[in-house]
PDB file of all heavy atoms in Angstrom:
ATOM      1  N   GLU A   1      -7.905  21.092 -20.712  1.00  0.00           N
ATOM      2  CA  GLU A   1      -7.387  19.855 -21.278  1.00  0.00           C
ATOM      3  C   GLU A   1      -5.978  19.548 -20.742  1.00  0.00           C
ATOM      4  O   GLU A   1      -5.677  18.420 -20.359  1.00  0.00           O
ATOM      5  CB  GLU A   1      -7.367  19.946 -22.806  1.00  0.00           C
ATOM      6  CG  GLU A   1      -6.912  18.690 -23.506  1.00  0.00           C
ATOM      7  CD  GLU A   1      -7.896  17.533 -23.371  1.00  0.00           C
ATOM      8  OE1 GLU A   1      -9.099  17.782 -23.197  1.00  0.00           O
ATOM      9  OE2 GLU A   1      -7.434  16.392 -23.428  1.00  0.00           O
ATOM     10  N   ASP A   2      -5.124  20.568 -20.703  1.00  0.00           N
ATOM     11  CA  ASP A   2      -3.758  20.375 -20.202  1.00  0.00           C
ATOM     12  C   ASP A   2      -3.755  19.965 -18.725  1.00  0.00           C
ATOM     13  O   ASP A   2      -2.981  19.094 -18.316  1.00  0.00           O
ATOM     14  CB  ASP A   2      -2.931  21.652 -20.392  1.00  0.00           C
ATOM     15  CG  ASP A   2      -2.662  21.964 -21.859  1.00  0.00           C
ATOM     16  OD1 ASP A   2      -2.824  21.060 -22.703  1.00  0.00           O
ATOM     17  OD2 ASP A   2      -2.295  23.125 -22.153  1.00  0.00           O
ATOM     18  N   ALA A   3      -4.616  20.580 -17.942  1.00  0.00           N
ATOM     19  CA  ALA A   3      -4.691  20.254 -16.517  1.00  0.00           C
ATOM     20  C   ALA A   3      -5.175  18.823 -16.312  1.00  0.00           C
ATOM     21  O   ALA A   3      -4.646  18.084 -15.458  1.00  0.00           O
ATOM     22  CB  ALA A   3      -5.605  21.229 -15.793  1.00  0.00           C
ATOM     23  N   LEU A   4      -6.162  18.399 -17.091  1.00  0.00           N
ATOM     24  CA  LEU A   4      -6.660  17.029 -16.970  1.00  0.00           C
ATOM     25  C   LEU A   4      -5.592  16.017 -17.408  1.00  0.00           C
ATOM     26  O   LEU A   4      -5.431  14.967 -16.796  1.00  0.00           O
ATOM     27  CB  LEU A   4      -7.934  16.853 -17.799  1.00  0.00           C
ATOM     28  CG  LEU A   4      -9.174  17.567 -17.258  1.00  0.00           C
ATOM     29  CD1 LEU A   4     -10.316  17.481 -18.256  1.00  0.00           C
ATOM     30  CD2 LEU A   4      -9.587  16.994 -15.925  1.00  0.00           C
ATOM     31  N   GLU A   5      -4.865  16.343 -18.461  1.00  0.00           N
ATOM     32  CA  GLU A   5      -3.819  15.453 -18.947  1.00  0.00           C
ATOM     33  C   GLU A   5      -2.681  15.346 -17.934  1.00  0.00           C
ATOM     34  O   GLU A   5      -2.156  14.261 -17.674  1.00  0.00           O
ATOM     35  CB  GLU A   5      -3.283  15.951 -20.286  1.00  0.00           C
ATOM     36  CG  GLU A   5      -2.383  14.963 -20.975  1.00  0.00           C
ATOM     37  CD  GLU A   5      -2.043  15.422 -22.386  1.00  0.00           C
ATOM     38  OE1 GLU A   5      -2.927  15.903 -23.086  1.00  0.00           O
ATOM     39  OE2 GLU A   5      -0.850  15.278 -22.736  1.00  0.00           O
ATOM     40  N   LYS A   6      -2.326  16.477 -17.348  1.00  0.00           N
ATOM     41  CA  LYS A   6      -1.271  16.467 -16.327  1.00  0.00           C
ATOM     42  C   LYS A   6      -1.691  15.617 -15.131  1.00  0.00           C
ATOM     43  O   LYS A   6      -0.909  14.827 -14.604  1.00  0.00           O
ATOM     44  CB  LYS A   6      -0.981  17.904 -15.878  1.00  0.00           C
ATOM     45  CG  LYS A   6       0.083  18.006 -14.812  1.00  0.00           C
ATOM     46  CD  LYS A   6       0.307  19.439 -14.384  1.00  0.00           C
ATOM     47  CE  LYS A   6       1.314  19.507 -13.250  1.00  0.00           C
ATOM     48  NZ  LYS A   6       1.421  20.837 -12.687  1.00  0.00           N
ATOM     49  N   ASN A   7      -2.924  15.747 -14.717  1.00  0.00           N
ATOM     50  CA  ASN A   7      -3.435  14.966 -13.600  1.00  0.00           C
ATOM     51  C   ASN A   7      -3.438  13.477 -13.935  1.00  0.00           C
ATOM     52  O   ASN A   7      -3.115  12.645 -13.096  1.00  0.00           O
ATOM     53  CB  ASN A   7      -4.842  15.430 -13.231  1.00  0.00           C
ATOM     54  CG  ASN A   7      -5.340  14.783 -11.957  1.00  0.00           C
ATOM     55  OD1 ASN A   7      -4.559  14.434 -11.092  1.00  0.00           O
ATOM     56  ND2 ASN A   7      -6.640  14.619 -11.856  1.00  0.00           N
ATOM     57  N   ALA A   8      -3.779  13.132 -15.168  1.00  0.00           N
ATOM     58  CA  ALA A   8      -3.816  11.730 -15.573  1.00  0.00           C
ATOM     59  C   ALA A   8      -2.419  11.119 -15.596  1.00  0.00           C
ATOM     60  O   ALA A   8      -2.235   9.953 -15.235  1.00  0.00           O
ATOM     61  CB  ALA A   8      -4.474  11.593 -16.942  1.00  0.00           C
ATOM     62  N   THR A   9      -1.401  11.892 -15.998  1.00  0.00           N
ATOM     63  CA  THR A   9      -0.045  11.345 -16.039  1.00  0.00           C
ATOM     64  C   THR A   9       0.565  11.261 -14.647  1.00  0.00           C
ATOM     65  O   THR A   9       1.339  10.357 -14.360  1.00  0.00           O
ATOM     66  CB  THR A   9       0.876  12.187 -16.946  1.00  0.00           C
ATOM     67  OG1 THR A   9       0.879  13.538 -16.477  1.00  0.00           O
ATOM     68  CG2 THR A   9       0.423  12.130 -18.383  1.00  0.00           C
ATOM     69  N   GLU A  10       0.231  12.193 -13.771  1.00  0.00           N
ATOM     70  CA  GLU A  10       0.776  12.167 -12.408  1.00  0.00           C
ATOM     71  C   GLU A  10       0.096  11.113 -11.547  1.00  0.00           C
ATOM     72  O   GLU A  10       0.713  10.535 -10.661  1.00  0.00           O
ATOM     73  CB  GLU A  10       0.632  13.533 -11.742  1.00  0.00           C
ATOM     74  CG  GLU A  10       1.559  14.579 -12.314  1.00  0.00           C
ATOM     75  CD  GLU A  10       1.366  15.944 -11.665  1.00  0.00           C
ATOM     76  OE1 GLU A  10       0.481  16.080 -10.809  1.00  0.00           O
ATOM     77  OE2 GLU A  10       2.108  16.865 -12.029  1.00  0.00           O
ATOM     78  N   ASN A  11      -1.166  10.853 -11.777  1.00  0.00           N
ATOM     79  CA  ASN A  11      -1.936   9.903 -10.974  1.00  0.00           C
ATOM     80  C   ASN A  11      -2.642   8.912 -11.889  1.00  0.00           C
ATOM     81  O   ASN A  11      -3.841   9.031 -12.121  1.00  0.00           O
ATOM     82  CB  ASN A  11      -2.973  10.633 -10.115  1.00  0.00           C
ATOM     83  CG  ASN A  11      -2.347  11.636  -9.190  1.00  0.00           C
ATOM     84  OD1 ASN A  11      -1.356  11.339  -8.560  1.00  0.00           O
ATOM     85  ND2 ASN A  11      -2.913  12.826  -9.115  1.00  0.00           N
ATOM     86  N   PRO A  12      -1.923   7.929 -12.412  1.00  0.00           N
ATOM     87  CA  PRO A  12      -2.583   6.969 -13.287  1.00  0.00           C
ATOM     88  C   PRO A  12      -3.642   6.171 -12.530  1.00  0.00           C
ATOM     89  O   PRO A  12      -3.568   6.012 -11.309  1.00  0.00           O
ATOM     90  CB  PRO A  12      -1.454   6.060 -13.766  1.00  0.00           C
ATOM     91  CG  PRO A  12      -0.305   6.325 -12.881  1.00  0.00           C
ATOM     92  CD  PRO A  12      -0.517   7.658 -12.250  1.00  0.00           C
ATOM     93  N   ALA A  13      -4.620   5.652 -13.261  1.00  0.00           N
ATOM     94  CA  ALA A  13      -5.752   4.951 -12.638  1.00  0.00           C
ATOM     95  C   ALA A  13      -5.301   3.705 -11.894  1.00  0.00           C
ATOM     96  O   ALA A  13      -5.839   3.376 -10.843  1.00  0.00           O
ATOM     97  CB  ALA A  13      -6.784   4.598 -13.704  1.00  0.00           C
ATOM     98  N   ASN A  14      -4.310   2.992 -12.414  1.00  0.00           N
ATOM     99  CA  ASN A  14      -3.889   1.765 -11.747  1.00  0.00           C
ATOM    100  C   ASN A  14      -2.967   2.027 -10.559  1.00  0.00           C
ATOM    101  O   ASN A  14      -2.610   1.110  -9.843  1.00  0.00           O
ATOM    102  CB  ASN A  14      -3.220   0.810 -12.740  1.00  0.00           C
ATOM    103  CG  ASN A  14      -1.935   1.369 -13.315  1.00  0.00           C
ATOM    104  OD1 ASN A  14      -1.592   2.519 -13.085  1.00  0.00           O
ATOM    105  ND2 ASN A  14      -1.231   0.545 -14.067  1.00  0.00           N
ATOM    106  N   GLU A  15      -2.570   3.272 -10.342  1.00  0.00           N
ATOM    107  CA  GLU A  15      -1.716   3.591  -9.194  1.00  0.00           C
ATOM    108  C   GLU A  15      -2.467   3.363  -7.900  1.00  0.00           C
ATOM    109  O   GLU A  15      -1.896   2.901  -6.916  1.00  0.00           O
ATOM    110  CB  GLU A  15      -1.235   5.036  -9.275  1.00  0.00           C
ATOM    111  CG  GLU A  15      -0.251   5.397  -8.169  1.00  0.00           C
ATOM    112  CD  GLU A  15       0.286   6.796  -8.315  1.00  0.00           C
ATOM    113  OE1 GLU A  15       0.920   7.080  -9.332  1.00  0.00           O
ATOM    114  OE2 GLU A  15       0.047   7.586  -7.401  1.00  0.00           O
ATOM    115  N   ASP A  16      -3.764   3.650  -7.901  1.00  0.00           N
ATOM    116  CA  ASP A  16      -4.552   3.401  -6.700  1.00  0.00           C
ATOM    117  C   ASP A  16      -4.562   1.922  -6.364  1.00  0.00           C
ATOM    118  O   ASP A  16      -4.472   1.541  -5.204  1.00  0.00           O
ATOM    119  CB  ASP A  16      -5.979   3.920  -6.878  1.00  0.00           C
ATOM    120  CG  ASP A  16      -6.045   5.438  -6.932  1.00  0.00           C
ATOM    121  OD1 ASP A  16      -5.100   6.087  -6.423  1.00  0.00           O
ATOM    122  OD2 ASP A  16      -7.016   5.971  -7.485  1.00  0.00           O
ATOM    123  N   ALA A  17      -4.668   1.078  -7.378  1.00  0.00           N
ATOM    124  CA  ALA A  17      -4.651  -0.362  -7.150  1.00  0.00           C
ATOM    125  C   ALA A  17      -3.300  -0.801  -6.590  1.00  0.00           C
ATOM    126  O   ALA A  17      -3.232  -1.620  -5.674  1.00  0.00           O
ATOM    127  CB  ALA A  17      -4.965  -1.096  -8.446  1.00  0.00           C
ATOM    128  N   LYS A  18      -2.210  -0.246  -7.147  1.00  0.00           N
ATOM    129  CA  LYS A  18      -0.882  -0.592  -6.641  1.00  0.00           C
ATOM    130  C   LYS A  18      -0.727  -0.119  -5.206  1.00  0.00           C
ATOM    131  O   LYS A  18      -0.155  -0.819  -4.372  1.00  0.00           O
ATOM    132  CB  LYS A  18       0.198   0.029  -7.518  1.00  0.00           C
ATOM    133  CG  LYS A  18       0.358  -0.629  -8.864  1.00  0.00           C
ATOM    134  CD  LYS A  18       1.457   0.049  -9.656  1.00  0.00           C
ATOM    135  CE  LYS A  18       1.572  -0.540 -11.047  1.00  0.00           C
ATOM    136  NZ  LYS A  18       2.567   0.165 -11.864  1.00  0.00           N
ATOM    137  N   THR A  19      -1.225   1.070  -4.935  1.00  0.00           N
ATOM    138  CA  THR A  19      -1.132   1.603  -3.584  1.00  0.00           C
ATOM    139  C   THR A  19      -1.905   0.720  -2.614  1.00  0.00           C
ATOM    140  O   THR A  19      -1.429   0.425  -1.528  1.00  0.00           O
ATOM    141  CB  THR A  19      -1.669   3.041  -3.536  1.00  0.00           C
ATOM    142  OG1 THR A  19      -0.931   3.830  -4.468  1.00  0.00           O
ATOM    143  CG2 THR A  19      -1.529   3.642  -2.163  1.00  0.00           C
ATOM    144  N   LEU A  20      -3.069   0.270  -3.010  1.00  0.00           N
ATOM    145  CA  LEU A  20      -3.873  -0.603  -2.157  1.00  0.00           C
ATOM    146  C   LEU A  20      -3.153  -1.924  -1.919  1.00  0.00           C
ATOM    147  O   LEU A  20      -3.104  -2.423  -0.795  1.00  0.00           O
ATOM    148  CB  LEU A  20      -5.249  -0.847  -2.789  1.00  0.00           C
ATOM    149  CG  LEU A  20      -6.204  -1.723  -1.996  1.00  0.00           C
ATOM    150  CD1 LEU A  20      -6.488  -1.103  -0.636  1.00  0.00           C
ATOM    151  CD2 LEU A  20      -7.491  -1.942  -2.763  1.00  0.00           C
ATOM    152  N   GLU A  21      -2.564  -2.485  -2.980  1.00  0.00           N
ATOM    153  CA  GLU A  21      -1.813  -3.730  -2.825  1.00  0.00           C
ATOM    154  C   GLU A  21      -0.608  -3.524  -1.913  1.00  0.00           C
ATOM    155  O   GLU A  21      -0.306  -4.381  -1.071  1.00  0.00           O
ATOM    156  CB  GLU A  21      -1.351  -4.239  -4.192  1.00  0.00           C
ATOM    157  CG  GLU A  21      -2.474  -4.752  -5.060  1.00  0.00           C
ATOM    158  CD  GLU A  21      -2.012  -5.073  -6.477  1.00  0.00           C
ATOM    159  OE1 GLU A  21      -0.802  -4.960  -6.747  1.00  0.00           O
ATOM    160  OE2 GLU A  21      -2.862  -5.435  -7.295  1.00  0.00           O
ATOM    161  N   ASP A  22       0.082  -2.398  -2.062  1.00  0.00           N
ATOM    162  CA  ASP A  22       1.224  -2.100  -1.196  1.00  0.00           C
ATOM    163  C   ASP A  22       0.790  -1.986   0.261  1.00  0.00           C
ATOM    164  O   ASP A  22       1.456  -2.497   1.159  1.00  0.00           O
ATOM    165  CB  ASP A  22       1.916  -0.810  -1.629  1.00  0.00           C
ATOM    166  CG  ASP A  22       2.636  -0.934  -2.962  1.00  0.00           C
ATOM    167  OD1 ASP A  22       2.880  -2.075  -3.401  1.00  0.00           O
ATOM    168  OD2 ASP A  22       2.945   0.120  -3.564  1.00  0.00           O
ATOM    169  N   LEU A  23      -0.328  -1.306   0.476  1.00  0.00           N
ATOM    170  CA  LEU A  23      -0.821  -1.145   1.840  1.00  0.00           C
ATOM    171  C   LEU A  23      -1.239  -2.487   2.431  1.00  0.00           C
ATOM    172  O   LEU A  23      -0.973  -2.756   3.610  1.00  0.00           O
ATOM    173  CB  LEU A  23      -1.987  -0.163   1.868  1.00  0.00           C
ATOM    174  CG  LEU A  23      -1.636   1.298   1.590  1.00  0.00           C
ATOM    175  CD1 LEU A  23      -2.895   2.146   1.533  1.00  0.00           C
ATOM    176  CD2 LEU A  23      -0.690   1.835   2.644  1.00  0.00           C
ATOM    177  N   GLN A  24      -1.870  -3.333   1.619  1.00  0.00           N
ATOM    178  CA  GLN A  24      -2.262  -4.652   2.116  1.00  0.00           C
ATOM    179  C   GLN A  24      -1.024  -5.486   2.442  1.00  0.00           C
ATOM    180  O   GLN A  24      -1.014  -6.217   3.429  1.00  0.00           O
ATOM    181  CB  GLN A  24      -3.141  -5.370   1.086  1.00  0.00           C
ATOM    182  CG  GLN A  24      -4.531  -4.777   0.996  1.00  0.00           C
ATOM    183  CD  GLN A  24      -5.361  -5.383  -0.122  1.00  0.00           C
ATOM    184  OE1 GLN A  24      -4.820  -5.916  -1.074  1.00  0.00           O
ATOM    185  NE2 GLN A  24      -6.674  -5.266  -0.002  1.00  0.00           N
ATOM    186  N   ALA A  25       0.013  -5.378   1.622  1.00  0.00           N
ATOM    187  CA  ALA A  25       1.257  -6.100   1.899  1.00  0.00           C
ATOM    188  C   ALA A  25       1.894  -5.591   3.188  1.00  0.00           C
ATOM    189  O   ALA A  25       2.407  -6.377   3.999  1.00  0.00           O
ATOM    190  CB  ALA A  25       2.226  -5.946   0.730  1.00  0.00           C
ATOM    191  N   LYS A  26       1.872  -4.273   3.394  1.00  0.00           N
ATOM    192  CA  LYS A  26       2.424  -3.718   4.633  1.00  0.00           C
ATOM    193  C   LYS A  26       1.642  -4.199   5.845  1.00  0.00           C
ATOM    194  O   LYS A  26       2.220  -4.543   6.874  1.00  0.00           O
ATOM    195  CB  LYS A  26       2.415  -2.187   4.582  1.00  0.00           C
ATOM    196  CG  LYS A  26       3.496  -1.596   3.725  1.00  0.00           C
ATOM    197  CD  LYS A  26       3.466  -0.081   3.787  1.00  0.00           C
ATOM    198  CE  LYS A  26       4.556   0.519   2.924  1.00  0.00           C
ATOM    199  NZ  LYS A  26       4.546   1.986   2.962  1.00  0.00           N
ATOM    200  N   VAL A  27       0.319  -4.218   5.720  1.00  0.00           N
ATOM    201  CA  VAL A  27      -0.517  -4.680   6.830  1.00  0.00           C
ATOM    202  C   VAL A  27      -0.199  -6.139   7.144  1.00  0.00           C
ATOM    203  O   VAL A  27      -0.067  -6.522   8.310  1.00  0.00           O
ATOM    204  CB  VAL A  27      -2.017  -4.481   6.505  1.00  0.00           C
ATOM    205  CG1 VAL A  27      -2.900  -5.238   7.485  1.00  0.00           C
ATOM    206  CG2 VAL A  27      -2.368  -3.003   6.525  1.00  0.00           C
ATOM    207  N   SER A  28      -0.056  -6.965   6.101  1.00  0.00           N
ATOM    208  CA  SER A  28       0.290  -8.370   6.316  1.00  0.00           C
ATOM    209  C   SER A  28       1.642  -8.487   7.016  1.00  0.00           C
ATOM    210  O   SER A  28       1.811  -9.317   7.919  1.00  0.00           O
ATOM    211  CB  SER A  28       0.329  -9.119   4.988  1.00  0.00           C
ATOM    212  OG  SER A  28      -0.944  -9.127   4.391  1.00  0.00           O
ATOM    213  N   GLY A  29       2.595  -7.663   6.610  1.00  0.00           N
ATOM    214  CA  GLY A  29       3.908  -7.664   7.253  1.00  0.00           C
ATOM    215  C   GLY A  29       3.824  -7.258   8.715  1.00  0.00           C
ATOM    216  O   GLY A  29       4.477  -7.865   9.571  1.00  0.00           O
ATOM    217  N   PHE A  30       3.012  -6.234   8.991  1.00  0.00           N
ATOM    218  CA  PHE A  30       2.853  -5.791  10.379  1.00  0.00           C
ATOM    219  C   PHE A  30       2.182  -6.873  11.220  1.00  0.00           C
ATOM    220  O   PHE A  30       2.550  -7.090  12.375  1.00  0.00           O
ATOM    221  CB  PHE A  30       2.046  -4.497  10.454  1.00  0.00           C
ATOM    222  CG  PHE A  30       2.779  -3.287   9.961  1.00  0.00           C
ATOM    223  CD1 PHE A  30       2.126  -2.310   9.234  1.00  0.00           C
ATOM    224  CD2 PHE A  30       4.128  -3.109  10.210  1.00  0.00           C
ATOM    225  CE1 PHE A  30       2.800  -1.182   8.776  1.00  0.00           C
ATOM    226  CE2 PHE A  30       4.807  -1.991   9.766  1.00  0.00           C
ATOM    227  CZ  PHE A  30       4.131  -1.026   9.047  1.00  0.00           C
ATOM    228  N   GLU A  31       1.186  -7.561  10.637  1.00  0.00           N
ATOM    229  CA  GLU A  31       0.510  -8.626  11.378  1.00  0.00           C
ATOM    230  C   GLU A  31       1.470  -9.766  11.679  1.00  0.00           C
ATOM    231  O   GLU A  31       1.465 -10.315  12.777  1.00  0.00           O
ATOM    232  CB  GLU A  31      -0.704  -9.122  10.590  1.00  0.00           C
ATOM    233  CG  GLU A  31      -1.852  -8.127  10.569  1.00  0.00           C
ATOM    234  CD  GLU A  31      -2.973  -8.537   9.632  1.00  0.00           C
ATOM    235  OE1 GLU A  31      -2.780  -9.465   8.819  1.00  0.00           O
ATOM    236  OE2 GLU A  31      -4.049  -7.922   9.719  1.00  0.00           O
ATOM    237  N   ALA A  32       2.298 -10.133  10.701  1.00  0.00           N
ATOM    238  CA  ALA A  32       3.284 -11.198  10.920  1.00  0.00           C
ATOM    239  C   ALA A  32       4.288 -10.780  11.987  1.00  0.00           C
ATOM    240  O   ALA A  32       4.668 -11.592  12.849  1.00  0.00           O
ATOM    241  CB  ALA A  32       3.994 -11.533   9.613  1.00  0.00           C
ATOM    242  N   ASN A  33       4.716  -9.527  11.950  1.00  0.00           N
ATOM    243  CA  ASN A  33       5.659  -9.017  12.950  1.00  0.00           C
ATOM    244  C   ASN A  33       5.016  -9.020  14.334  1.00  0.00           C
ATOM    245  O   ASN A  33       5.673  -9.388  15.321  1.00  0.00           O
ATOM    246  CB  ASN A  33       6.105  -7.609  12.564  1.00  0.00           C
ATOM    247  CG  ASN A  33       7.226  -7.110  13.457  1.00  0.00           C
ATOM    248  OD1 ASN A  33       8.069  -7.869  13.887  1.00  0.00           O
ATOM    249  ND2 ASN A  33       7.225  -5.821  13.726  1.00  0.00           N
ATOM    250  N   GLU A  34       3.765  -8.622  14.418  1.00  0.00           N
ATOM    251  CA  GLU A  34       3.077  -8.611  15.709  1.00  0.00           C
ATOM    252  C   GLU A  34       2.967 -10.026  16.271  1.00  0.00           C
ATOM    253  O   GLU A  34       3.183 -10.245  17.464  1.00  0.00           O
ATOM    254  CB  GLU A  34       1.681  -7.993  15.566  1.00  0.00           C
ATOM    255  CG  GLU A  34       0.923  -7.938  16.874  1.00  0.00           C
ATOM    256  CD  GLU A  34      -0.482  -7.395  16.744  1.00  0.00           C
ATOM    257  OE1 GLU A  34      -0.945  -7.184  15.618  1.00  0.00           O
ATOM    258  OE2 GLU A  34      -1.112  -7.196  17.788  1.00  0.00           O
ATOM    259  N   THR A  35       2.665 -10.984  15.401  1.00  0.00           N
ATOM    260  CA  THR A  35       2.572 -12.374  15.840  1.00  0.00           C
ATOM    261  C   THR A  35       3.923 -12.856  16.361  1.00  0.00           C
ATOM    262  O   THR A  35       4.002 -13.511  17.415  1.00  0.00           O
ATOM    263  CB  THR A  35       2.094 -13.264  14.679  1.00  0.00           C
ATOM    264  OG1 THR A  35       0.833 -12.779  14.228  1.00  0.00           O
ATOM    265  CG2 THR A  35       1.958 -14.708  15.107  1.00  0.00           C
ATOM    266  N   ALA A  36       4.999 -12.533  15.644  1.00  0.00           N
ATOM    267  CA  ALA A  36       6.338 -12.937  16.072  1.00  0.00           C
ATOM    268  C   ALA A  36       6.701 -12.303  17.414  1.00  0.00           C
ATOM    269  O   ALA A  36       7.286 -12.962  18.284  1.00  0.00           O
ATOM    270  CB  ALA A  36       7.364 -12.564  15.007  1.00  0.00           C
ATOM    271  N   VAL A  37       6.360 -11.039  17.593  1.00  0.00           N
ATOM    272  CA  VAL A  37       6.653 -10.353  18.854  1.00  0.00           C
ATOM    273  C   VAL A  37       5.866 -10.995  19.996  1.00  0.00           C
ATOM    274  O   VAL A  37       6.410 -11.224  21.089  1.00  0.00           O
ATOM    275  CB  VAL A  37       6.339  -8.844  18.741  1.00  0.00           C
ATOM    276  CG1 VAL A  37       6.328  -8.172  20.099  1.00  0.00           C
ATOM    277  CG2 VAL A  37       7.339  -8.168  17.823  1.00  0.00           C
ATOM    278  N   GLN A  38       4.591 -11.305  19.749  1.00  0.00           N
ATOM    279  CA  GLN A  38       3.774 -11.939  20.793  1.00  0.00           C
ATOM    280  C   GLN A  38       4.348 -13.303  21.184  1.00  0.00           C
ATOM    281  O   GLN A  38       4.429 -13.625  22.369  1.00  0.00           O
ATOM    282  CB  GLN A  38       2.323 -12.118  20.299  1.00  0.00           C
ATOM    283  CG  GLN A  38       1.520 -10.846  20.283  1.00  0.00           C
ATOM    284  CD  GLN A  38       1.143 -10.375  21.676  1.00  0.00           C
ATOM    285  OE1 GLN A  38       1.458 -10.978  22.686  1.00  0.00           O
ATOM    286  NE2 GLN A  38       0.465  -9.245  21.738  1.00  0.00           N
ATOM    287  N   GLU A  39       4.767 -14.090  20.182  1.00  0.00           N
ATOM    288  CA  GLU A  39       5.344 -15.398  20.474  1.00  0.00           C
ATOM    289  C   GLU A  39       6.656 -15.265  21.245  1.00  0.00           C
ATOM    290  O   GLU A  39       6.916 -16.029  22.184  1.00  0.00           O
ATOM    291  CB  GLU A  39       5.563 -16.174  19.181  1.00  0.00           C
ATOM    292  CG  GLU A  39       4.268 -16.615  18.518  1.00  0.00           C
ATOM    293  CD  GLU A  39       4.476 -17.222  17.144  1.00  0.00           C
ATOM    294  OE1 GLU A  39       5.627 -17.247  16.655  1.00  0.00           O
ATOM    295  OE2 GLU A  39       3.477 -17.659  16.550  1.00  0.00           O
ATOM    296  N   ALA A  40       7.490 -14.311  20.859  1.00  0.00           N
ATOM    297  CA  ALA A  40       8.764 -14.098  21.560  1.00  0.00           C
ATOM    298  C   ALA A  40       8.527 -13.661  23.000  1.00  0.00           C
ATOM    299  O   ALA A  40       9.216 -14.126  23.926  1.00  0.00           O
ATOM    300  CB  ALA A  40       9.604 -13.068  20.812  1.00  0.00           C
ATOM    301  N   LEU A  41       7.562 -12.782  23.210  1.00  0.00           N
ATOM    302  CA  LEU A  41       7.261 -12.336  24.575  1.00  0.00           C
ATOM    303  C   LEU A  41       6.708 -13.478  25.422  1.00  0.00           C
ATOM    304  O   LEU A  41       7.063 -13.624  26.590  1.00  0.00           O
ATOM    305  CB  LEU A  41       6.265 -11.172  24.545  1.00  0.00           C
ATOM    306  CG  LEU A  41       6.874  -9.803  24.294  1.00  0.00           C
ATOM    307  CD1 LEU A  41       5.792  -8.763  24.108  1.00  0.00           C
ATOM    308  CD2 LEU A  41       7.788  -9.401  25.418  1.00  0.00           C
ATOM    309  N   THR A  42       5.843 -14.296  24.824  1.00  0.00           N
ATOM    310  CA  THR A  42       5.295 -15.432  25.564  1.00  0.00           C
ATOM    311  C   THR A  42       6.409 -16.398  25.966  1.00  0.00           C
ATOM    312  O   THR A  42       6.442 -16.886  27.096  1.00  0.00           O
ATOM    313  CB  THR A  42       4.232 -16.154  24.714  1.00  0.00           C
ATOM    314  OG1 THR A  42       3.217 -15.217  24.365  1.00  0.00           O
ATOM    315  CG2 THR A  42       3.614 -17.309  25.469  1.00  0.00           C
TER     316      THR A  42
END
């Protein structure tokens, strides 16, 4: 019980959703940066 409770507090269920949103935001940022670099090089 203690191990399961510790795991639940360290890794909440909605943390995965936040992590996914953060990763999607980073990907969007990288795509925008890549587009800007391509335009500058052109």
